[in-house]
PDB file of all heavy atoms in Angstrom:
ATOM      1  N   TRP A   1     -58.938 -28.776  56.460  1.00  0.00           N
ATOM      2  CA  TRP A   1     -59.558 -30.112  56.526  1.00  0.00           C
ATOM      3  C   TRP A   1     -58.885 -31.074  55.573  1.00  0.00           C
ATOM      4  O   TRP A   1     -58.564 -30.716  54.448  1.00  0.00           O
ATOM      5  CB  TRP A   1     -61.070 -30.030  56.216  1.00  0.00           C
ATOM      6  CG  TRP A   1     -61.851 -29.271  57.192  1.00  0.00           C
ATOM      7  CD1 TRP A   1     -62.126 -27.932  57.189  1.00  0.00           C
ATOM      8  CD2 TRP A   1     -62.468 -29.792  58.359  1.00  0.00           C
ATOM      9  NE1 TRP A   1     -62.850 -27.603  58.309  1.00  0.00           N
ATOM     10  CE2 TRP A   1     -63.075 -28.706  59.066  1.00  0.00           C
ATOM     11  CE3 TRP A   1     -62.519 -31.068  58.911  1.00  0.00           C
ATOM     12  CZ2 TRP A   1     -63.772 -28.892  60.262  1.00  0.00           C
ATOM     13  CZ3 TRP A   1     -63.226 -31.262  60.124  1.00  0.00           C
ATOM     14  CH2 TRP A   1     -63.837 -30.167  60.766  1.00  0.00           C
ATOM     15  N   TYR A   2     -58.688 -32.287  56.050  1.00  0.00           N
ATOM     16  CA  TYR A   2     -58.107 -33.358  55.258  1.00  0.00           C
ATOM     17  C   TYR A   2     -59.001 -34.564  55.400  1.00  0.00           C
ATOM     18  O   TYR A   2     -59.719 -34.699  56.370  1.00  0.00           O
ATOM     19  CB  TYR A   2     -56.694 -33.699  55.741  1.00  0.00           C
ATOM     20  CG  TYR A   2     -55.725 -32.528  55.654  1.00  0.00           C
ATOM     21  CD1 TYR A   2     -55.844 -31.432  56.542  1.00  0.00           C
ATOM     22  CD2 TYR A   2     -54.753 -32.481  54.642  1.00  0.00           C
ATOM     23  CE1 TYR A   2     -54.990 -30.367  56.450  1.00  0.00           C
ATOM     24  CE2 TYR A   2     -53.884 -31.445  54.565  1.00  0.00           C
ATOM     25  CZ  TYR A   2     -53.993 -30.372  55.449  1.00  0.00           C
ATOM     26  OH  TYR A   2     -53.127 -29.305  55.345  1.00  0.00           O
ATOM     27  N   ARG A   3     -58.966 -35.478  54.439  1.00  0.00           N
ATOM     28  CA  ARG A   3     -59.785 -36.672  54.539  1.00  0.00           C
ATOM     29  C   ARG A   3     -58.989 -37.936  54.140  1.00  0.00           C
ATOM     30  O   ARG A   3     -58.109 -37.894  53.289  1.00  0.00           O
ATOM     31  CB  ARG A   3     -61.052 -36.570  53.698  1.00  0.00           C
ATOM     32  CG  ARG A   3     -60.842 -36.616  52.183  1.00  0.00           C
ATOM     33  CD  ARG A   3     -62.167 -36.391  51.488  1.00  0.00           C
ATOM     34  NE  ARG A   3     -62.005 -36.280  50.020  1.00  0.00           N
ATOM     35  CZ  ARG A   3     -62.934 -35.866  49.210  1.00  0.00           C
ATOM     36  NH1 ARG A   3     -64.130 -35.485  49.691  1.00  0.00           N
ATOM     37  NH2 ARG A   3     -62.707 -35.806  47.929  1.00  0.00           N
ATOM     38  N   GLN A   4     -59.350 -38.997  54.777  1.00  0.00           N
ATOM     39  CA  GLN A   4     -58.786 -40.334  54.512  1.00  0.00           C
ATOM     40  C   GLN A   4     -59.894 -41.122  53.856  1.00  0.00           C
ATOM     41  O   GLN A   4     -60.865 -41.493  54.555  1.00  0.00           O
ATOM     42  CB  GLN A   4     -58.274 -40.993  55.808  1.00  0.00           C
ATOM     43  CG  GLN A   4     -57.369 -42.157  55.519  1.00  0.00           C
ATOM     44  CD  GLN A   4     -55.897 -41.808  55.678  1.00  0.00           C
ATOM     45  OE1 GLN A   4     -55.515 -41.205  56.672  1.00  0.00           O
ATOM     46  NE2 GLN A   4     -55.094 -42.110  54.684  1.00  0.00           N
ATOM     47  N   VAL A   5     -59.796 -41.416  52.582  1.00  0.00           N
ATOM     48  CA  VAL A   5     -60.802 -42.187  51.880  1.00  0.00           C
ATOM     49  C   VAL A   5     -60.339 -43.644  51.774  1.00  0.00           C
ATOM     50  O   VAL A   5     -59.120 -43.925  51.760  1.00  0.00           O
ATOM     51  CB  VAL A   5     -61.089 -41.623  50.506  1.00  0.00           C
ATOM     52  CG1 VAL A   5     -61.573 -40.199  50.622  1.00  0.00           C
ATOM     53  CG2 VAL A   5     -59.863 -41.648  49.586  1.00  0.00           C
ATOM     54  N   PRO A   6     -61.251 -44.597  51.648  1.00  0.00           N
ATOM     55  CA  PRO A   6     -60.876 -46.011  51.595  1.00  0.00           C
ATOM     56  C   PRO A   6     -59.891 -46.301  50.456  1.00  0.00           C
ATOM     57  O   PRO A   6     -60.113 -45.956  49.314  1.00  0.00           O
ATOM     58  CB  PRO A   6     -62.211 -46.713  51.329  1.00  0.00           C
ATOM     59  CG  PRO A   6     -63.226 -45.798  51.967  1.00  0.00           C
ATOM     60  CD  PRO A   6     -62.704 -44.409  51.680  1.00  0.00           C
ATOM     61  N   GLY A   7     -58.766 -46.960  50.818  1.00  0.00           N
ATOM     62  CA  GLY A   7     -57.778 -47.345  49.829  1.00  0.00           C
ATOM     63  C   GLY A   7     -56.885 -46.250  49.331  1.00  0.00           C
ATOM     64  O   GLY A   7     -56.090 -46.500  48.391  1.00  0.00           O
ATOM     65  N   LYS A   8     -56.967 -45.033  49.928  1.00  0.00           N
ATOM     66  CA  LYS A   8     -56.130 -43.988  49.462  1.00  0.00           C
ATOM     67  C   LYS A   8     -55.474 -43.246  50.601  1.00  0.00           C
ATOM     68  O   LYS A   8     -55.959 -43.314  51.750  1.00  0.00           O
ATOM     69  CB  LYS A   8     -56.974 -42.961  48.659  1.00  0.00           C
ATOM     70  CG  LYS A   8     -57.551 -43.509  47.361  1.00  0.00           C
ATOM     71  CD  LYS A   8     -58.292 -42.412  46.607  1.00  0.00           C
ATOM     72  CE  LYS A   8     -58.860 -42.969  45.288  1.00  0.00           C
ATOM     73  NZ  LYS A   8     -59.598 -41.889  44.529  1.00  0.00           N
ATOM     74  N   PRO A   9     -54.366 -42.552  50.350  1.00  0.00           N
ATOM     75  CA  PRO A   9     -53.696 -41.801  51.437  1.00  0.00           C
ATOM     76  C   PRO A   9     -54.487 -40.533  51.786  1.00  0.00           C
ATOM     77  O   PRO A   9     -55.333 -40.093  51.005  1.00  0.00           O
ATOM     78  CB  PRO A   9     -52.314 -41.448  50.830  1.00  0.00           C
ATOM     79  CG  PRO A   9     -52.569 -41.387  49.366  1.00  0.00           C
ATOM     80  CD  PRO A   9     -53.582 -42.487  49.080  1.00  0.00           C
ATOM     81  N   ARG A  10     -54.168 -39.977  52.952  1.00  0.00           N
ATOM     82  CA  ARG A  10     -54.812 -38.769  53.382  1.00  0.00           C
ATOM     83  C   ARG A  10     -54.571 -37.618  52.401  1.00  0.00           C
ATOM     84  O   ARG A  10     -53.449 -37.457  51.934  1.00  0.00           O
ATOM     85  CB  ARG A  10     -54.361 -38.403  54.772  1.00  0.00           C
ATOM     86  CG  ARG A  10     -55.165 -37.268  55.428  1.00  0.00           C
ATOM     87  CD  ARG A  10     -54.736 -37.071  56.865  1.00  0.00           C
ATOM     88  NE  ARG A  10     -54.910 -38.273  57.685  1.00  0.00           N
ATOM     89  CZ  ARG A  10     -54.706 -38.319  58.972  1.00  0.00           C
ATOM     90  NH1 ARG A  10     -54.348 -37.245  59.665  1.00  0.00           N
ATOM     91  NH2 ARG A  10     -54.894 -39.472  59.659  1.00  0.00           N
ATOM     92  N   GLU A  11     -55.613 -36.853  52.071  1.00  0.00           N
ATOM     93  CA  GLU A  11     -55.465 -35.738  51.099  1.00  0.00           C
ATOM     94  C   GLU A  11     -56.014 -34.477  51.670  1.00  0.00           C
ATOM     95  O   GLU A  11     -56.919 -34.458  52.497  1.00  0.00           O
ATOM     96  CB  GLU A  11     -56.152 -36.092  49.798  1.00  0.00           C
ATOM     97  CG  GLU A  11     -57.681 -36.199  49.912  1.00  0.00           C
ATOM     98  CD  GLU A  11     -58.367 -36.347  48.565  1.00  0.00           C
ATOM     99  OE1 GLU A  11     -57.706 -36.134  47.531  1.00  0.00           O
ATOM    100  OE2 GLU A  11     -59.582 -36.627  48.553  1.00  0.00           O
ATOM    101  N   MET A  12     -55.491 -33.357  51.198  1.00  0.00           N
ATOM    102  CA  MET A  12     -56.004 -32.039  51.563  1.00  0.00           C
ATOM    103  C   MET A  12     -57.347 -31.818  50.909  1.00  0.00           C
ATOM    104  O   MET A  12     -57.512 -32.060  49.710  1.00  0.00           O
ATOM    105  CB  MET A  12     -55.001 -30.964  51.147  1.00  0.00           C
ATOM    106  CG  MET A  12     -55.369 -29.530  51.656  1.00  0.00           C
ATOM    107  SD  MET A  12     -56.538 -28.677  50.530  1.00  0.00           S
ATOM    108  CE  MET A  12     -55.470 -28.441  49.069  1.00  0.00           C
ATOM    109  N   VAL A  13     -58.298 -31.350  51.677  1.00  0.00           N
ATOM    110  CA  VAL A  13     -59.640 -31.000  51.118  1.00  0.00           C
ATOM    111  C   VAL A  13     -59.813 -29.515  51.002  1.00  0.00           C
ATOM    112  O   VAL A  13     -60.172 -29.000  49.906  1.00  0.00           O
ATOM    113  CB  VAL A  13     -60.731 -31.575  52.040  1.00  0.00           C
ATOM    114  CG1 VAL A  13     -62.116 -31.157  51.516  1.00  0.00           C
ATOM    115  CG2 VAL A  13     -60.647 -33.105  52.111  1.00  0.00           C
ATOM    116  N   ALA A  14     -59.530 -28.765  52.045  1.00  0.00           N
ATOM    117  CA  ALA A  14     -59.686 -27.336  52.072  1.00  0.00           C
ATOM    118  C   ALA A  14     -58.887 -26.721  53.164  1.00  0.00           C
ATOM    119  O   ALA A  14     -58.865 -27.266  54.284  1.00  0.00           O
ATOM    120  CB  ALA A  14     -61.149 -26.918  52.121  1.00  0.00           C
ATOM    121  N   THR A  15     -58.239 -25.576  52.891  1.00  0.00           N
ATOM    122  CA  THR A  15     -57.509 -24.875  53.950  1.00  0.00           C
ATOM    123  C   THR A  15     -57.835 -23.370  53.865  1.00  0.00           C
ATOM    124  O   THR A  15     -58.245 -22.856  52.847  1.00  0.00           O
ATOM    125  CB  THR A  15     -55.991 -25.044  53.819  1.00  0.00           C
ATOM    126  OG1 THR A  15     -55.534 -24.561  52.539  1.00  0.00           O
ATOM    127  CG2 THR A  15     -55.612 -26.514  53.901  1.00  0.00           C
ATOM    128  N   VAL A  16     -57.620 -22.689  54.970  1.00  0.00           N
ATOM    129  CA  VAL A  16     -57.794 -21.257  55.054  1.00  0.00           C
ATOM    130  C   VAL A  16     -56.653 -20.640  55.842  1.00  0.00           C
ATOM    131  O   VAL A  16     -56.276 -21.197  56.904  1.00  0.00           O
ATOM    132  CB  VAL A  16     -59.169 -20.884  55.669  1.00  0.00           C
ATOM    133  CG1 VAL A  16     -59.302 -21.500  57.054  1.00  0.00           C
ATOM    134  CG2 VAL A  16     -59.374 -19.375  55.707  1.00  0.00           C
ATOM    135  N   SER A  17     -56.060 -19.582  55.342  1.00  0.00           N
ATOM    136  CA  SER A  17     -54.950 -18.955  55.970  1.00  0.00           C
ATOM    137  C   SER A  17     -55.410 -17.918  57.037  1.00  0.00           C
ATOM    138  O   SER A  17     -56.626 -17.701  57.187  1.00  0.00           O
ATOM    139  CB  SER A  17     -54.065 -18.220  54.927  1.00  0.00           C
ATOM    140  OG  SER A  17     -54.715 -17.053  54.458  1.00  0.00           O
ATOM    141  N   SER A  18     -54.430 -17.381  57.737  1.00  0.00           N
ATOM    142  CA  SER A  18     -54.741 -16.391  58.739  1.00  0.00           C
ATOM    143  C   SER A  18     -55.344 -15.130  58.162  1.00  0.00           C
ATOM    144  O   SER A  18     -56.047 -14.351  58.842  1.00  0.00           O
ATOM    145  CB  SER A  18     -53.481 -16.015  59.558  1.00  0.00           C
ATOM    146  OG  SER A  18     -52.476 -15.461  58.702  1.00  0.00           O
ATOM    147  N   ARG A  19     -55.074 -14.896  56.884  1.00  0.00           N
ATOM    148  CA  ARG A  19     -55.638 -13.718  56.162  1.00  0.00           C
ATOM    149  C   ARG A  19     -56.968 -14.066  55.491  1.00  0.00           C
ATOM    150  O   ARG A  19     -57.573 -13.143  54.849  1.00  0.00           O
ATOM    151  CB  ARG A  19     -54.635 -13.223  55.127  1.00  0.00           C
ATOM    152  CG  ARG A  19     -53.378 -12.587  55.770  1.00  0.00           C
ATOM    153  CD  ARG A  19     -52.430 -12.095  54.676  1.00  0.00           C
ATOM    154  NE  ARG A  19     -51.299 -11.394  55.267  1.00  0.00           N
ATOM    155  CZ  ARG A  19     -51.263 -10.136  55.534  1.00  0.00           C
ATOM    156  NH1 ARG A  19     -52.310  -9.362  55.274  1.00  0.00           N
ATOM    157  NH2 ARG A  19     -50.182  -9.569  56.099  1.00  0.00           N
ATOM    158  N   GLY A  20     -57.395 -15.297  55.537  1.00  0.00           N
ATOM    159  CA  GLY A  20     -58.678 -15.623  54.911  1.00  0.00           C
ATOM    160  C   GLY A  20     -58.555 -16.281  53.538  1.00  0.00           C
ATOM    161  O   GLY A  20     -59.599 -16.626  52.931  1.00  0.00           O
ATOM    162  N   SER A  21     -57.358 -16.437  53.006  1.00  0.00           N
ATOM    163  CA  SER A  21     -57.202 -17.036  51.679  1.00  0.00           C
ATOM    164  C   SER A  21     -57.526 -18.515  51.765  1.00  0.00           C
ATOM    165  O   SER A  21     -57.096 -19.161  52.728  1.00  0.00           O
ATOM    166  CB  SER A  21     -55.796 -16.833  51.168  1.00  0.00           C
ATOM    167  OG  SER A  21     -55.485 -15.444  51.027  1.00  0.00           O
ATOM    168  N   THR A  22     -58.224 -19.045  50.786  1.00  0.00           N
ATOM    169  CA  THR A  22     -58.626 -20.474  50.827  1.00  0.00           C
ATOM    170  C   THR A  22     -57.991 -21.254  49.694  1.00  0.00           C
ATOM    171  O   THR A  22     -57.600 -20.704  48.607  1.00  0.00           O
ATOM    172  CB  THR A  22     -60.135 -20.586  50.717  1.00  0.00           C
ATOM    173  OG1 THR A  22     -60.594 -19.932  49.512  1.00  0.00           O
ATOM    174  CG2 THR A  22     -60.802 -19.958  51.918  1.00  0.00           C
ATOM    175  N   ASN A  23     -57.937 -22.572  49.901  1.00  0.00           N
ATOM    176  CA  ASN A  23     -57.393 -23.485  48.898  1.00  0.00           C
ATOM    177  C   ASN A  23     -58.222 -24.752  48.938  1.00  0.00           C
ATOM    178  O   ASN A  23     -58.528 -25.249  50.047  1.00  0.00           O
ATOM    179  CB  ASN A  23     -55.916 -23.773  49.154  1.00  0.00           C
ATOM    180  CG  ASN A  23     -55.269 -24.631  48.074  1.00  0.00           C
ATOM    181  OD1 ASN A  23     -55.626 -24.495  46.900  1.00  0.00           O
ATOM    182  ND2 ASN A  23     -54.345 -25.467  48.448  1.00  0.00           N
ATOM    183  N   TYR A  24     -58.615 -25.273  47.770  1.00  0.00           N
ATOM    184  CA  TYR A  24     -59.488 -26.443  47.723  1.00  0.00           C
ATOM    185  C   TYR A  24     -58.913 -27.505  46.787  1.00  0.00           C
ATOM    186  O   TYR A  24     -58.267 -27.209  45.782  1.00  0.00           O
ATOM    187  CB  TYR A  24     -60.863 -26.086  47.215  1.00  0.00           C
ATOM    188  CG  TYR A  24     -61.660 -25.125  48.116  1.00  0.00           C
ATOM    189  CD1 TYR A  24     -61.608 -23.745  47.865  1.00  0.00           C
ATOM    190  CD2 TYR A  24     -62.430 -25.622  49.128  1.00  0.00           C
ATOM    191  CE1 TYR A  24     -62.309 -22.891  48.685  1.00  0.00           C
ATOM    192  CE2 TYR A  24     -63.147 -24.769  49.934  1.00  0.00           C
ATOM    193  CZ  TYR A  24     -63.080 -23.378  49.687  1.00  0.00           C
ATOM    194  OH  TYR A  24     -63.812 -22.547  50.503  1.00  0.00           O
ATOM    195  N   ALA A  25     -59.224 -28.756  47.135  1.00  0.00           N
ATOM    196  CA  ALA A  25     -58.928 -29.868  46.202  1.00  0.00           C
ATOM    197  C   ALA A  25     -59.858 -29.727  44.996  1.00  0.00           C
ATOM    198  O   ALA A  25     -61.014 -29.276  45.150  1.00  0.00           O
ATOM    199  CB  ALA A  25     -59.162 -31.180  46.895  1.00  0.00           C
ATOM    200  N   GLU A  26     -59.378 -30.089  43.827  1.00  0.00           N
ATOM    201  CA  GLU A  26     -60.185 -29.949  42.607  1.00  0.00           C
ATOM    202  C   GLU A  26     -61.478 -30.738  42.703  1.00  0.00           C
ATOM    203  O   GLU A  26     -62.503 -30.259  42.142  1.00  0.00           O
ATOM    204  CB  GLU A  26     -59.382 -30.370  41.392  1.00  0.00           C
ATOM    205  CG  GLU A  26     -58.291 -29.404  40.959  1.00  0.00           C
ATOM    206  CD  GLU A  26     -58.847 -28.053  40.587  1.00  0.00           C
ATOM    207  OE1 GLU A  26     -59.918 -27.988  39.891  1.00  0.00           O
ATOM    208  OE2 GLU A  26     -58.217 -27.019  40.964  1.00  0.00           O
ATOM    209  N   SER A  27     -61.473 -31.825  43.374  1.00  0.00           N
ATOM    210  CA  SER A  27     -62.648 -32.684  43.464  1.00  0.00           C
ATOM    211  C   SER A  27     -63.801 -32.057  44.263  1.00  0.00           C
ATOM    212  O   SER A  27     -64.962 -32.498  44.116  1.00  0.00           O
ATOM    213  CB  SER A  27     -62.286 -34.054  44.025  1.00  0.00           C
ATOM    214  OG  SER A  27     -61.769 -33.906  45.353  1.00  0.00           O
ATOM    215  N   VAL A  28     -63.485 -31.065  45.083  1.00  0.00           N
ATOM    216  CA  VAL A  28     -64.541 -30.477  45.927  1.00  0.00           C
ATOM    217  C   VAL A  28     -64.806 -29.007  45.608  1.00  0.00           C
ATOM    218  O   VAL A  28     -65.719 -28.428  46.153  1.00  0.00           O
ATOM    219  CB  VAL A  28     -64.197 -30.570  47.438  1.00  0.00           C
ATOM    220  CG1 VAL A  28     -63.889 -32.019  47.798  1.00  0.00           C
ATOM    221  CG2 VAL A  28     -63.031 -29.667  47.779  1.00  0.00           C
ATOM    222  N   LYS A  29     -64.017 -28.440  44.710  1.00  0.00           N
ATOM    223  CA  LYS A  29     -64.175 -27.028  44.330  1.00  0.00           C
ATOM    224  C   LYS A  29     -65.581 -26.754  43.785  1.00  0.00           C
ATOM    225  O   LYS A  29     -66.033 -27.458  42.897  1.00  0.00           O
ATOM    226  CB  LYS A  29     -63.091 -26.683  43.321  1.00  0.00           C
ATOM    227  CG  LYS A  29     -62.664 -25.202  43.357  1.00  0.00           C
ATOM    228  CD  LYS A  29     -61.369 -24.989  42.593  1.00  0.00           C
ATOM    229  CE  LYS A  29     -60.803 -23.612  42.836  1.00  0.00           C
ATOM    230  NZ  LYS A  29     -59.497 -23.436  42.174  1.00  0.00           N
ATOM    231  N   GLY A  30     -66.202 -25.715  44.329  1.00  0.00           N
ATOM    232  CA  GLY A  30     -67.565 -25.404  43.914  1.00  0.00           C
ATOM    233  C   GLY A  30     -68.635 -26.063  44.718  1.00  0.00           C
ATOM    234  O   GLY A  30     -69.773 -25.647  44.673  1.00  0.00           O
ATOM    235  N   ARG A  31     -68.273 -27.059  45.502  1.00  0.00           N
ATOM    236  CA  ARG A  31     -69.232 -27.774  46.367  1.00  0.00           C
ATOM    237  C   ARG A  31     -68.959 -27.542  47.828  1.00  0.00           C
ATOM    238  O   ARG A  31     -69.938 -27.495  48.600  1.00  0.00           O
ATOM    239  CB  ARG A  31     -69.190 -29.273  46.120  1.00  0.00           C
ATOM    240  CG  ARG A  31     -69.552 -29.649  44.669  1.00  0.00           C
ATOM    241  CD  ARG A  31     -69.733 -31.200  44.513  1.00  0.00           C
ATOM    242  NE  ARG A  31     -68.482 -31.907  44.773  1.00  0.00           N
ATOM    243  CZ  ARG A  31     -68.274 -32.742  45.755  1.00  0.00           C
ATOM    244  NH1 ARG A  31     -69.289 -33.059  46.599  1.00  0.00           N
ATOM    245  NH2 ARG A  31     -67.090 -33.379  45.879  1.00  0.00           N
TER     246      ARG A  31
END
């Protein structure tokens, strides 16, 4: 998932690999 916020470029929010490994933006980690 990626998001486009007002006045900013598109950024990565969260991804998951084929093996289930995840990656999160620091701003959403834990939420």
